[in-house]
Protein backbone atom coordinates (compact mmCIF):
# COMPACT_ATOMS: atom_id res chain seq x y z
CA UNK A 1 119.63 61.98 90.87
CA UNK A 2 119.21 65.57 92.04
CA UNK A 3 118.84 67.72 88.91
CA UNK A 4 120.12 70.86 90.64
CA UNK A 5 123.21 68.93 91.78
CA UNK A 6 123.85 67.70 88.23
CA UNK A 7 123.38 71.21 86.87
CA UNK A 8 125.83 72.75 89.36
CA UNK A 9 128.43 70.07 88.63
CA UNK A 10 128.03 70.61 84.88
CA UNK A 11 128.68 74.33 85.38
CA UNK A 12 131.77 73.58 87.48
CA UNK A 13 133.18 71.23 84.84
CA UNK A 14 132.42 73.67 82.04
CA UNK A 15 134.16 76.56 83.81
CA UNK A 16 137.33 74.55 84.51
CA UNK A 17 137.76 72.81 81.14
CA UNK A 18 138.90 75.87 79.18
CA UNK A 19 141.99 76.36 81.36
CA UNK A 20 142.97 72.71 80.95
CA UNK A 21 142.70 72.91 77.17
CA UNK A 22 144.77 76.07 76.97
CA UNK A 23 147.46 74.29 78.96
CA UNK A 24 147.14 71.34 76.61
CA UNK A 25 147.70 73.59 73.56
CA UNK A 26 151.00 74.81 75.06
CA UNK A 27 152.26 71.45 76.34
CA UNK A 28 151.67 69.43 73.14
CA UNK A 29 154.28 71.22 70.93
CA UNK A 30 156.81 71.32 73.78
CA UNK A 31 156.38 67.57 74.25
CA UNK A 32 156.71 67.01 70.52
CA UNK A 33 160.07 68.79 70.48
CA UNK A 34 161.31 66.83 73.51
CA UNK A 35 160.33 63.37 72.20
CA UNK A 36 161.26 63.97 68.55
CA UNK A 37 163.52 61.19 67.30
CA UNK A 38 164.67 59.74 64.04
CA UNK A 39 162.08 57.63 62.25
CA UNK A 40 159.12 58.82 64.39
CA UNK A 41 158.16 61.91 62.38
CA UNK A 42 154.92 60.60 60.87
CA UNK A 43 153.76 59.02 64.12
CA UNK A 44 154.61 62.16 66.10
CA UNK A 45 152.85 64.41 63.57
CA UNK A 46 149.74 62.23 63.73
CA UNK A 47 149.79 62.40 67.52
CA UNK A 48 150.03 66.23 67.50
CA UNK A 49 147.27 66.56 64.89
CA UNK A 50 145.01 64.21 66.88
CA UNK A 51 145.59 66.26 70.05
CA UNK A 52 144.63 69.52 68.35
CA UNK A 53 141.61 67.99 66.59
CA UNK A 54 140.34 66.71 69.93
CA UNK A 55 140.89 70.15 71.47
CA UNK A 56 138.88 71.79 68.67
CA UNK A 57 136.04 69.32 69.09
CA UNK A 58 136.05 69.88 72.85
CA UNK A 59 136.06 73.66 72.33
CA UNK A 60 133.08 73.45 69.99
CA UNK A 61 131.23 71.30 72.54
CA UNK A 62 132.12 73.79 75.30
CA UNK A 63 130.78 76.76 73.31
CA UNK A 64 127.56 74.88 72.53
CA UNK A 65 127.16 74.00 76.17
CA UNK A 66 127.68 77.64 77.22
CA UNK A 67 125.12 78.90 74.69
CA UNK A 68 122.53 76.20 75.36
CA UNK A 69 123.21 74.60 78.75
CA UNK A 70 121.23 71.41 79.37
CA UNK A 71 118.39 71.82 81.86
CA UNK A 72 116.84 68.40 82.25
CA UNK A 73 118.59 65.60 84.15
CA UNK A 74 118.60 63.30 81.10
CA UNK A 75 120.26 65.97 78.91
CA UNK A 76 122.87 66.71 81.58
CA UNK A 77 123.68 62.99 81.92
CA UNK A 78 124.11 62.71 78.15
CA UNK A 79 126.55 65.61 78.30
CA UNK A 80 128.43 63.88 81.14
CA UNK A 81 128.70 60.69 79.04
CA UNK A 82 130.02 62.75 76.15
CA UNK A 83 132.52 64.39 78.51
CA UNK A 84 133.62 60.93 79.68
CA UNK A 85 134.19 59.82 76.07
CA UNK A 86 136.29 62.91 75.34
CA UNK A 87 138.26 62.32 78.55
CA UNK A 88 138.98 58.70 77.52
CA UNK A 89 140.21 59.75 74.06
CA UNK A 90 142.39 62.47 75.61
CA UNK A 91 143.84 60.04 78.14
CA UNK A 92 144.50 57.48 75.38
CA UNK A 93 146.40 60.06 73.31
CA UNK A 94 148.62 60.98 76.28
CA UNK A 95 149.07 57.27 77.02
CA UNK A 96 150.20 56.66 73.43
CA UNK A 97 152.88 59.30 73.99
CA UNK A 98 154.37 56.98 76.65
CA UNK A 99 153.88 53.80 74.57
CA UNK A 100 155.51 55.26 71.46
CA UNK A 101 158.19 57.56 72.84
CA UNK A 102 159.10 56.39 76.36
CA UNK A 103 162.62 54.89 76.25
CA UNK A 104 164.58 54.22 79.43
CA UNK A 105 167.74 54.33 77.33
CA UNK A 106 167.22 58.09 77.02
CA UNK A 107 166.90 58.95 80.69
CA UNK A 108 166.15 62.67 80.17
CA UNK A 109 163.29 62.00 77.79
CA UNK A 110 161.95 59.20 79.97
CA UNK A 111 161.94 61.43 83.06
CA UNK A 112 160.19 64.19 81.14
CA UNK A 113 157.44 61.89 79.86
CA UNK A 114 156.82 60.19 83.21
CA UNK A 115 156.79 63.47 85.18
CA UNK A 116 154.62 65.12 82.51
CA UNK A 117 152.00 62.36 82.52
CA UNK A 118 151.87 62.17 86.32
CA UNK A 119 151.47 65.96 86.43
CA UNK A 120 148.70 65.88 83.79
CA UNK A 121 146.86 63.13 85.66
CA UNK A 122 147.12 65.06 88.92
CA UNK A 123 146.16 68.44 87.42
CA UNK A 124 143.10 66.99 85.70
CA UNK A 125 141.78 65.92 89.10
CA UNK A 126 140.48 69.43 89.86
CA UNK A 127 138.95 69.72 86.40
CA UNK A 128 137.28 66.30 86.13
CA UNK A 129 136.77 64.92 89.64
CA UNK A 130 133.34 66.55 89.89
CA UNK A 131 132.26 63.72 87.54
CA UNK A 132 134.31 60.76 88.73
CA UNK A 133 133.76 58.50 85.65
CA UNK A 134 135.35 61.17 83.44
CA UNK A 135 138.45 61.35 85.63
CA UNK A 136 138.84 57.59 85.74
CA UNK A 137 138.33 57.40 81.96
CA UNK A 138 141.13 59.95 81.53
CA UNK A 139 143.79 58.56 83.88
CA UNK A 140 143.17 54.84 83.27
CA UNK A 141 144.63 54.71 79.71
CA UNK A 142 147.52 56.93 80.79
CA UNK A 143 148.38 54.57 83.67
CA UNK A 144 147.99 51.44 81.50
CA UNK A 145 150.14 52.73 78.62
CA UNK A 146 152.87 54.04 80.97
CA UNK A 147 152.96 50.73 82.89
CA UNK A 148 152.96 48.69 79.68
CA UNK A 149 155.79 50.74 78.21
CA UNK A 150 157.88 50.38 81.37
CA UNK A 151 157.21 46.63 81.65
CA UNK A 152 158.12 46.22 77.97
CA UNK A 153 161.57 47.68 78.64
CA UNK A 154 162.52 44.37 80.32
CA UNK A 155 164.51 46.18 83.01
CA UNK A 156 164.03 45.75 86.73
CA UNK A 157 163.97 49.52 87.22
CA UNK A 158 161.30 49.81 84.54
CA UNK A 159 159.13 47.19 86.22
CA UNK A 160 159.49 48.95 89.60
CA UNK A 161 158.56 52.27 88.01
CA UNK A 162 155.53 50.63 86.34
CA UNK A 163 154.26 49.31 89.67
CA UNK A 164 154.88 52.71 91.30
CA UNK A 165 153.02 54.53 88.53
CA UNK A 166 150.04 52.18 88.78
CA UNK A 167 149.96 52.63 92.57
CA UNK A 168 150.12 56.39 92.19
CA UNK A 169 147.27 56.53 89.68
CA UNK A 170 145.15 54.21 91.85
CA UNK A 171 145.79 56.52 94.79
CA UNK A 172 144.73 59.55 92.74
CA UNK A 173 141.53 57.75 91.75
CA UNK A 174 140.75 57.07 95.42
CA UNK A 175 141.48 60.70 96.24
CA UNK A 176 139.30 61.78 93.30
CA UNK A 177 136.44 59.66 94.65
CA UNK A 178 136.69 61.36 98.05
CA UNK A 179 137.03 64.74 96.38
CA UNK A 180 133.92 64.04 94.28
CA UNK A 181 131.97 63.14 97.42
CA UNK A 182 133.14 66.34 99.08
CA UNK A 183 132.02 68.33 96.05
CA UNK A 184 128.60 66.65 96.19
CA UNK A 185 128.29 67.43 99.91
CA UNK A 186 129.31 71.07 99.46
CA UNK A 187 127.02 71.59 96.47
CA UNK A 188 124.06 69.94 98.21
CA UNK A 189 124.71 72.03 101.33
CA UNK A 190 124.85 75.21 99.25
CA UNK A 191 121.63 74.24 97.48
CA UNK A 192 119.92 73.58 100.80
CA UNK A 193 121.20 76.89 102.21
CA UNK A 194 119.98 78.69 99.09
CA UNK A 195 116.59 77.02 99.44
CA UNK A 196 116.33 77.97 103.11
CA UNK A 197 117.40 81.53 102.32
CA UNK A 198 114.86 81.75 99.51
CA UNK A 199 112.16 80.40 101.83
CA UNK A 200 113.11 82.94 104.49
CA UNK A 201 113.13 85.80 101.98
CA UNK A 202 109.81 84.60 100.56
CA UNK A 203 108.30 84.42 104.04
CA UNK A 204 109.63 87.88 104.87
CA UNK A 205 108.24 89.27 101.61
CA UNK A 206 104.90 87.57 102.19
CA UNK A 207 104.79 89.02 105.69
CA UNK A 208 105.62 92.50 104.40
CA UNK A 209 103.08 92.16 101.59
CA UNK A 210 100.47 90.94 104.08
CA UNK A 211 101.11 93.85 106.42
CA UNK A 212 101.03 96.28 103.50
CA UNK A 213 97.81 94.75 102.22
CA UNK A 214 95.97 94.77 105.53
CA UNK A 215 97.38 98.13 106.64
CA UNK A 216 95.05 100.04 104.31
CA UNK A 217 91.96 98.16 105.47
CA UNK A 218 92.89 98.43 109.16
CA UNK A 219 94.07 102.03 109.05
CA UNK A 220 90.88 103.32 107.41
CA UNK A 221 88.50 102.58 110.31
CA UNK A 222 91.23 103.42 112.83
CA UNK A 223 91.74 106.79 111.19
CA UNK A 224 87.98 107.40 110.99
CA UNK A 225 87.68 106.63 114.71
CA UNK A 226 90.35 109.22 115.47
CA UNK A 227 88.56 111.83 113.38
CA UNK A 228 85.23 111.21 115.12
CA UNK A 229 86.89 111.36 118.54
CA UNK A 230 88.52 114.66 117.64
CA UNK A 231 85.20 116.04 116.46
CA UNK A 232 83.38 114.69 119.52
CA UNK A 233 85.58 116.56 121.97
CA UNK A 234 83.94 119.92 121.29
CA UNK A 235 80.45 118.44 121.74
CA UNK A 236 81.07 117.40 125.38
CA UNK A 237 80.59 119.64 128.40
CA UNK A 238 80.16 117.58 131.55
CA UNK A 239 83.22 116.34 133.49
CA UNK A 240 82.06 112.72 133.36
CA UNK A 241 81.65 112.86 129.57
CA UNK A 242 85.08 114.43 129.16
CA UNK A 243 86.65 111.77 131.42
CA UNK A 244 85.12 108.96 129.36
CA UNK A 245 86.21 110.73 126.17
CA UNK A 246 89.80 111.00 127.39
CA UNK A 247 89.88 107.29 128.25
CA UNK A 248 88.55 106.45 124.79
CA UNK A 249 91.12 108.77 123.19
CA UNK A 250 93.93 107.18 125.20
CA UNK A 251 92.81 103.71 124.13
CA UNK A 252 92.67 104.82 120.51
CA UNK A 253 96.17 106.29 120.72
CA UNK A 254 97.50 103.08 122.30
CA UNK A 255 96.10 101.00 119.44
CA UNK A 256 97.38 103.56 116.95
CA UNK A 257 100.87 103.50 118.46
CA UNK A 258 101.08 99.70 118.56
CA UNK A 259 99.81 99.29 115.01
CA UNK A 260 102.17 102.00 113.74
CA UNK A 261 105.09 100.27 115.49
CA UNK A 262 104.28 96.95 113.81
CA UNK A 263 104.06 98.63 110.42
CA UNK A 264 107.30 100.51 111.04
CA UNK A 265 109.17 97.27 111.79
CA UNK A 266 107.71 95.74 108.64
CA UNK A 267 108.78 98.72 106.49
CA UNK A 268 112.30 98.68 107.95
CA UNK A 269 112.63 94.92 107.38
CA UNK A 270 111.42 95.35 103.79
CA UNK A 271 114.00 98.08 103.12
CA UNK A 272 111.22 100.56 102.38
CA UNK A 273 112.72 103.30 104.58
CA UNK A 274 115.26 105.36 102.64
CA UNK A 275 116.95 108.20 104.55
CA UNK A 276 116.87 111.72 103.09
CA UNK A 277 120.15 113.14 104.38
CA UNK A 278 120.64 116.87 104.90
CA UNK A 279 122.72 119.32 106.92
CA UNK A 280 120.71 120.83 109.81
CA UNK A 281 121.14 122.32 113.25
CA UNK A 282 120.73 119.69 115.93
CA UNK A 283 119.40 122.15 118.51
CA UNK A 284 116.08 122.62 116.73
CA UNK A 285 115.39 118.88 116.68
CA UNK A 286 116.32 118.48 120.35
CA UNK A 287 114.18 121.46 121.43
CA UNK A 288 111.10 120.03 119.73
CA UNK A 289 111.57 116.58 121.25
CA UNK A 290 112.19 117.95 124.75
CA UNK A 291 109.09 120.16 124.48
CA UNK A 292 107.01 117.07 123.65
CA UNK A 293 108.28 115.07 126.63
CA UNK A 294 108.52 117.83 129.24
CA UNK A 295 104.89 117.53 130.44
CA UNK A 296 105.37 113.78 131.04
CA UNK A 297 108.61 114.41 132.93
CA UNK A 298 107.11 117.17 135.07
CA UNK A 299 104.08 115.03 135.93
CA UNK A 300 106.52 112.50 137.47
CA UNK A 301 108.60 115.14 139.21
CA UNK A 302 111.65 114.51 137.00
CA UNK A 303 114.21 117.10 135.92
CA UNK A 304 114.43 117.09 132.12
CA UNK A 305 117.63 118.74 130.97
CA UNK A 306 118.91 119.37 127.45
CA UNK A 307 122.32 120.76 126.65
CA UNK A 308 122.24 123.82 124.40
CA UNK A 309 124.13 123.26 121.17
CA UNK A 310 124.92 124.98 117.89
CA UNK A 311 126.16 121.73 116.33
CA UNK A 312 125.32 120.99 112.70
CA UNK A 313 124.90 117.32 111.76
CA UNK A 314 124.31 115.27 108.61
CA UNK A 315 121.36 112.89 108.92
CA UNK A 316 117.71 112.46 108.10
CA UNK A 317 116.09 114.87 110.58
CA UNK A 318 112.82 112.93 110.69
CA UNK A 319 114.46 109.53 111.29
CA UNK A 320 116.96 110.99 113.76
CA UNK A 321 114.11 112.65 115.67
CA UNK A 322 112.28 109.31 115.72
CA UNK A 323 115.28 107.63 117.35
CA UNK A 324 115.84 110.38 119.93
CA UNK A 325 112.11 110.68 120.67
CA UNK A 326 111.96 106.96 121.41
CA UNK A 327 115.07 106.99 123.60
CA UNK A 328 113.89 110.05 125.53
CA UNK A 329 110.39 108.62 125.93
CA UNK A 330 111.79 105.40 127.39
CA UNK A 331 114.08 107.33 129.73
CA UNK A 332 111.14 109.35 131.09
CA UNK A 333 108.88 106.27 131.29
CA UNK A 334 111.35 104.09 133.23
CA UNK A 335 112.81 106.71 135.57
CA UNK A 336 110.97 107.09 138.87
CA UNK A 337 113.02 109.86 140.51
CA UNK A 338 115.92 112.05 139.57
CA UNK A 339 116.75 113.39 136.14
CA UNK A 340 116.74 112.68 132.44
CA UNK A 341 119.25 114.53 130.29
CA UNK A 342 120.24 114.95 126.66
CA UNK A 343 123.92 115.71 126.14
CA UNK A 344 125.85 116.73 123.02
CA UNK A 345 129.63 116.36 122.52
CA UNK A 346 131.45 117.38 119.33
CA UNK A 347 134.38 115.06 118.59
CA UNK A 348 137.56 116.06 116.80
CA UNK A 349 137.26 113.35 114.16
CA UNK A 350 134.19 114.94 112.56
CA UNK A 351 131.38 113.36 114.56
CA UNK A 352 128.86 114.47 117.15
CA UNK A 353 127.81 112.26 120.09
CA UNK A 354 124.20 112.64 121.24
CA UNK A 355 123.51 110.97 124.57
CA UNK A 356 120.25 110.29 126.40
CA UNK A 357 120.91 109.45 130.06
CA UNK A 358 118.70 108.82 133.06
CA UNK A 359 118.88 107.97 136.75
CA UNK A 360 116.50 105.05 136.41
CA UNK A 361 116.72 101.41 137.43
CA UNK A 362 119.40 100.46 134.90
CA UNK A 363 119.63 97.42 132.66
CA UNK A 364 121.43 94.19 133.67
CA UNK A 365 124.51 93.47 131.56
CA UNK A 366 123.11 90.13 130.37
CA UNK A 367 119.98 91.87 128.98
CA UNK A 368 121.61 94.84 127.27
CA UNK A 369 121.63 93.15 123.87
CA UNK A 370 118.20 91.55 124.24
CA UNK A 371 116.40 94.88 124.76
CA UNK A 372 116.99 95.71 121.09
CA UNK A 373 115.05 92.61 120.01
CA UNK A 374 111.37 92.62 119.13
CA UNK A 375 108.75 92.25 121.88
CA UNK A 376 111.30 92.45 124.74
CA UNK A 377 110.11 94.38 127.80
CA UNK A 378 112.04 94.03 131.03
CA UNK A 379 109.27 95.41 133.26
CA UNK A 380 106.22 93.87 131.59
CA UNK A 381 106.12 90.10 132.27
CA UNK A 382 102.32 90.22 132.36
CA UNK A 383 102.32 91.66 128.76
CA UNK A 384 100.17 94.65 129.68
CA UNK A 385 99.34 96.21 126.30
CA UNK A 386 99.11 99.64 127.92
CA UNK A 387 102.90 99.43 128.14
CA UNK A 388 103.26 98.83 124.40
CA UNK A 389 104.56 95.86 122.44
CA UNK A 390 108.27 96.18 123.17
CA UNK A 391 109.11 97.32 119.64
CA UNK A 392 110.53 100.77 120.44
CA UNK A 393 114.20 99.85 120.78
CA UNK A 394 113.92 97.32 117.94
CA UNK A 395 112.85 100.21 115.71
CA UNK A 396 115.67 102.36 117.13
CA UNK A 397 118.23 99.69 116.23
CA UNK A 398 116.89 99.27 112.71
CA UNK A 399 116.69 103.02 112.04
CA UNK A 400 120.25 103.48 113.30
CA UNK A 401 121.37 100.74 110.91
CA UNK A 402 119.58 102.47 108.02
CA UNK A 403 121.20 105.81 108.95
CA UNK A 404 124.56 104.13 109.63
CA UNK A 405 124.72 105.90 113.01
CA UNK A 406 126.46 103.75 115.67
CA UNK A 407 124.47 103.33 118.89
CA UNK A 408 126.11 102.46 122.21
CA UNK A 409 124.63 101.58 125.60
CA UNK A 410 126.15 101.98 129.06
CA UNK A 411 124.06 100.95 132.03
CA UNK A 412 124.49 100.07 135.70
CA UNK A 413 121.71 98.48 137.70
CA UNK A 414 120.39 100.93 140.28
CA UNK A 415 122.24 103.92 138.78
CA UNK A 416 120.74 104.46 135.33
CA UNK A 417 121.51 104.15 131.64
CA UNK A 418 123.10 106.15 128.86
CA UNK A 419 122.39 105.65 125.14
CA UNK A 420 124.90 107.38 122.87
CA UNK A 421 124.27 107.97 119.18
CA UNK A 422 127.18 109.03 116.93
CA UNK A 423 126.23 111.28 114.00
CA UNK A 424 128.47 112.83 111.29
CA UNK A 425 129.18 116.53 111.74
CA UNK A 426 127.70 118.79 109.05
CA UNK A 427 128.68 122.10 107.47
CA UNK A 428 127.10 125.35 108.61
CA UNK A 429 127.04 126.77 105.08
CA UNK A 430 125.02 123.75 103.85
CA UNK A 431 122.15 124.33 106.32
CA UNK A 432 118.90 125.34 104.62
CA UNK A 433 117.09 127.99 106.67
CA UNK A 434 113.28 127.61 106.40
CA UNK A 435 111.18 130.60 105.54
CA UNK A 436 109.41 132.22 108.54
CA UNK A 437 105.83 131.15 109.18
CA UNK A 438 103.06 133.69 108.76
CA UNK A 439 101.07 134.48 111.86
CA UNK A 440 97.51 133.35 112.40
CA UNK A 441 95.47 130.24 111.59
CA UNK A 442 95.55 129.78 107.82
CA UNK A 443 92.68 127.27 107.82
CA UNK A 444 89.93 129.64 108.96
CA UNK A 445 87.48 130.13 106.06
CA UNK A 446 89.39 127.83 103.70
CA UNK A 447 87.26 125.70 101.33
CA UNK A 448 88.56 122.12 101.47
CA UNK A 449 87.39 119.37 99.11
CA UNK A 450 87.85 115.90 100.69
CA UNK A 451 87.84 112.90 98.33
CA UNK A 452 87.71 109.45 99.94
CA UNK A 453 85.75 106.31 99.08
CA UNK A 454 85.19 105.58 102.80
CA UNK A 455 82.08 107.38 104.06
CA UNK A 456 83.34 107.26 107.63
CA UNK A 457 86.55 109.06 106.65
CA UNK A 458 84.61 111.74 104.73
CA UNK A 459 82.25 112.38 107.60
CA UNK A 460 85.03 112.43 110.18
CA UNK A 461 87.15 114.80 108.09
CA UNK A 462 84.16 117.10 107.55
CA UNK A 463 83.48 117.20 111.29
CA UNK A 464 87.10 117.91 112.24
CA UNK A 465 87.86 120.42 109.47
CA UNK A 466 84.61 122.20 110.27
CA UNK A 467 85.75 122.62 113.88
CA UNK A 468 88.93 124.21 112.51
CA UNK A 469 86.88 126.85 110.71
CA UNK A 470 87.01 125.32 107.21
CA UNK A 471 84.24 125.10 104.66
CA UNK A 472 84.15 121.43 103.69
CA UNK A 473 82.88 119.58 100.61
CA UNK A 474 83.18 115.81 100.32
CA UNK A 475 83.12 113.32 97.46
CA UNK A 476 83.48 109.55 97.13
CA UNK A 477 85.10 109.55 93.69
CA UNK A 478 86.49 111.87 91.04
CA UNK A 479 83.14 112.34 89.27
CA UNK A 480 81.45 113.48 92.48
CA UNK A 481 84.45 115.70 93.19
CA UNK A 482 84.17 117.35 89.77
CA UNK A 483 80.45 117.96 90.38
CA UNK A 484 81.17 119.43 93.83
CA UNK A 485 83.86 121.70 92.40
CA UNK A 486 81.66 122.98 89.58
CA UNK A 487 78.55 123.56 91.73
CA UNK A 488 80.39 125.02 94.73
CA UNK A 489 79.29 128.51 95.80
CA UNK A 490 82.90 129.54 96.36
CA UNK A 491 86.08 128.16 94.73
CA UNK A 492 87.91 125.23 96.29
CA UNK A 493 91.15 126.29 98.00
CA UNK A 494 92.61 122.92 98.99
CA UNK A 495 92.29 119.27 97.94
CA UNK A 496 92.60 116.35 100.38
CA UNK A 497 92.43 113.02 98.57
CA UNK A 498 92.84 109.35 99.47
CA UNK A 499 95.31 107.46 97.26
CA UNK A 500 93.04 104.51 96.42
CA UNK A 501 89.67 105.47 94.96
CA UNK A 502 86.88 103.61 93.22
CA UNK A 503 87.31 102.34 89.70
CA UNK A 504 91.04 101.64 90.14
CA UNK A 505 91.78 105.37 90.02
CA UNK A 506 94.49 106.81 92.22
CA UNK A 507 94.35 110.05 94.15
CA UNK A 508 97.23 111.36 92.04
CA UNK A 509 95.16 110.88 88.88
CA UNK A 510 92.09 112.43 90.52
CA UNK A 511 94.01 115.53 91.62
CA UNK A 512 95.46 115.94 88.12
CA UNK A 513 91.94 115.79 86.65
CA UNK A 514 90.60 118.36 89.15
CA UNK A 515 93.51 120.69 88.51
CA UNK A 516 92.84 120.50 84.78
CA UNK A 517 89.19 121.51 85.34
CA UNK A 518 89.97 124.51 87.53
CA UNK A 519 92.95 125.51 85.41
CA UNK A 520 95.39 125.95 88.29
CA UNK A 521 97.66 123.86 90.50
CA UNK A 522 95.51 123.75 93.62
CA UNK A 523 97.37 122.86 96.84
CA UNK A 524 96.74 119.16 97.40
CA UNK A 525 97.45 116.46 99.95
CA UNK A 526 97.47 112.68 99.34
CA UNK A 527 96.52 110.38 102.23
CA UNK A 528 97.09 106.64 102.18
CA UNK A 529 96.92 103.64 104.44
CA UNK A 530 99.45 101.76 102.28
CA UNK A 531 103.12 101.50 103.22
CA UNK A 532 104.35 100.80 99.70
CA UNK A 533 107.36 103.11 99.12
CA UNK A 534 106.46 103.34 95.43
CA UNK A 535 103.41 105.44 96.38
CA UNK A 536 105.64 108.03 98.02
CA UNK A 537 107.81 108.11 94.90
CA UNK A 538 104.77 108.68 92.66
CA UNK A 539 103.46 111.44 94.93
CA UNK A 540 106.85 113.17 94.93
CA UNK A 541 107.04 112.94 91.13
CA UNK A 542 103.60 114.62 90.92
CA UNK A 543 104.71 117.36 93.36
CA UNK A 544 102.20 116.24 95.99
CA UNK A 545 102.59 115.97 99.74
CA UNK A 546 101.88 112.52 101.21
CA UNK A 547 100.71 111.54 104.70
CA UNK A 548 100.27 107.95 105.87
CA UNK A 549 97.18 107.01 107.88
CA UNK A 550 96.38 107.08 110.69
CA UNK A 551 97.25 110.79 110.81
CA UNK A 552 97.30 112.72 114.05
CA UNK A 553 95.03 115.81 113.91
CA UNK A 554 97.90 118.12 114.86
CA UNK A 555 100.02 116.67 112.03
CA UNK A 556 97.20 117.11 109.51
CA UNK A 557 96.49 120.67 110.64
CA UNK A 558 100.16 121.63 110.44
CA UNK A 559 100.52 120.08 106.96
CA UNK A 560 97.41 121.79 105.56
CA UNK A 561 98.62 125.12 106.93
CA UNK A 562 102.00 124.63 105.27
CA UNK A 563 100.34 123.77 101.94
CA UNK A 564 98.36 127.00 102.04
CA UNK A 565 101.54 128.94 102.80
């Protein structure tokens, strides 16, 4: 027999028995007072004592079972047999109540006993039917003693009542059998559902772990390629070389975008994206996104409009910008003529609606839910990878769920679409105003020490940082970094370190060691190809800034400048 099924049924029986015994403790003395009669004192006292002794033994067994529940099928079956024996003894005691005290000459007492025993037999169904032999062992002696007592009365009414009682108890046994089968079916179904859910969760976790594991290995050469391409640009002078370079850069960006989208879906599915909510002015986010997309819109002859707003919202500005950037990018991509617009409407109930609308081809009503699924592209039946993987709106949906920002879609074929995002309104006084940036390029002349165990990353970083005017030293591990720091002609101004280094050392540990040597908290940046959220937590705890590879050159340059500020 299925061990898990036996275990679940044992738990069900154990949980329900205590309530039945408490009821038994109350009913026994009441019954004793009702059936008390002259000459039956010793017999009645023995019956009451036997009931309470059985209850104590059952309670001790229940406590032992709760402390040390049986695990193996054989142990559970032994406990079921013990339960059946207790049920038989309990049923026999209640049956003796009818045999000793049931007297049709005292109609009130007779009615009480018959109704009581029928009620006890019926009530015990929910507590014992999970193990049918126990229920039958309990009600069988009750039915036999009641019927025998009624037949022994020698009255026609007594015989009729005996037959009726037997029929009733047989009917309850049949019902108990069906109930027990239903319990088995439900428990087995729940076990199967739990197994399927566990398999699905295990598969999802394995997928996320696989993506996290391979992301570091795949991102390293991808990031190195981007660094070399960035450094190569300044070495080219002929138009044909520049044209080939731009095609290579576009191909690299396409691969980068697709890989980043896959990783983003994996991180969202794994619950690794935790929003950092703050109060901020929406206009600054919208201006930056519109500035990014305006060249694409102008190249297609589209009007890109953005409503000016002073609205303050509560959200994660980075995640919100990711959603709006994706929606605006799609609107520009799929609109051939006309306009693309961002609108803002402040609602009275404390929310702000942000809409992205276009005059594009529109989305058929039957496809408006499907576009938020993975790998769905309405205009890419040939699966042209230059058009992406179809993960953009799937990421939008997941990020909106994480932020708890409702997203609505209105679209008419041939007239365009409107995506509306509803965001909580923020407080002006809670907005943190950033300090003004200093003028000029902070990286010129800065001595940067790059620590990475990948030679390609070190060489690419040296090439790119050198083009930005930096003095660059590189090292493959912390020992080489310490040597480079000690022998450097001029002091190191900035540390850039990969998270995973040789010898199972982390970048956080390496930076701590280097800071101890120089005696000051040098500005430092951690880079990683891993998507494990625990790494971000460790970097934050060490007061370090973290960037995830592959890193766009503009993002790296901006971050290094901020660190020096």
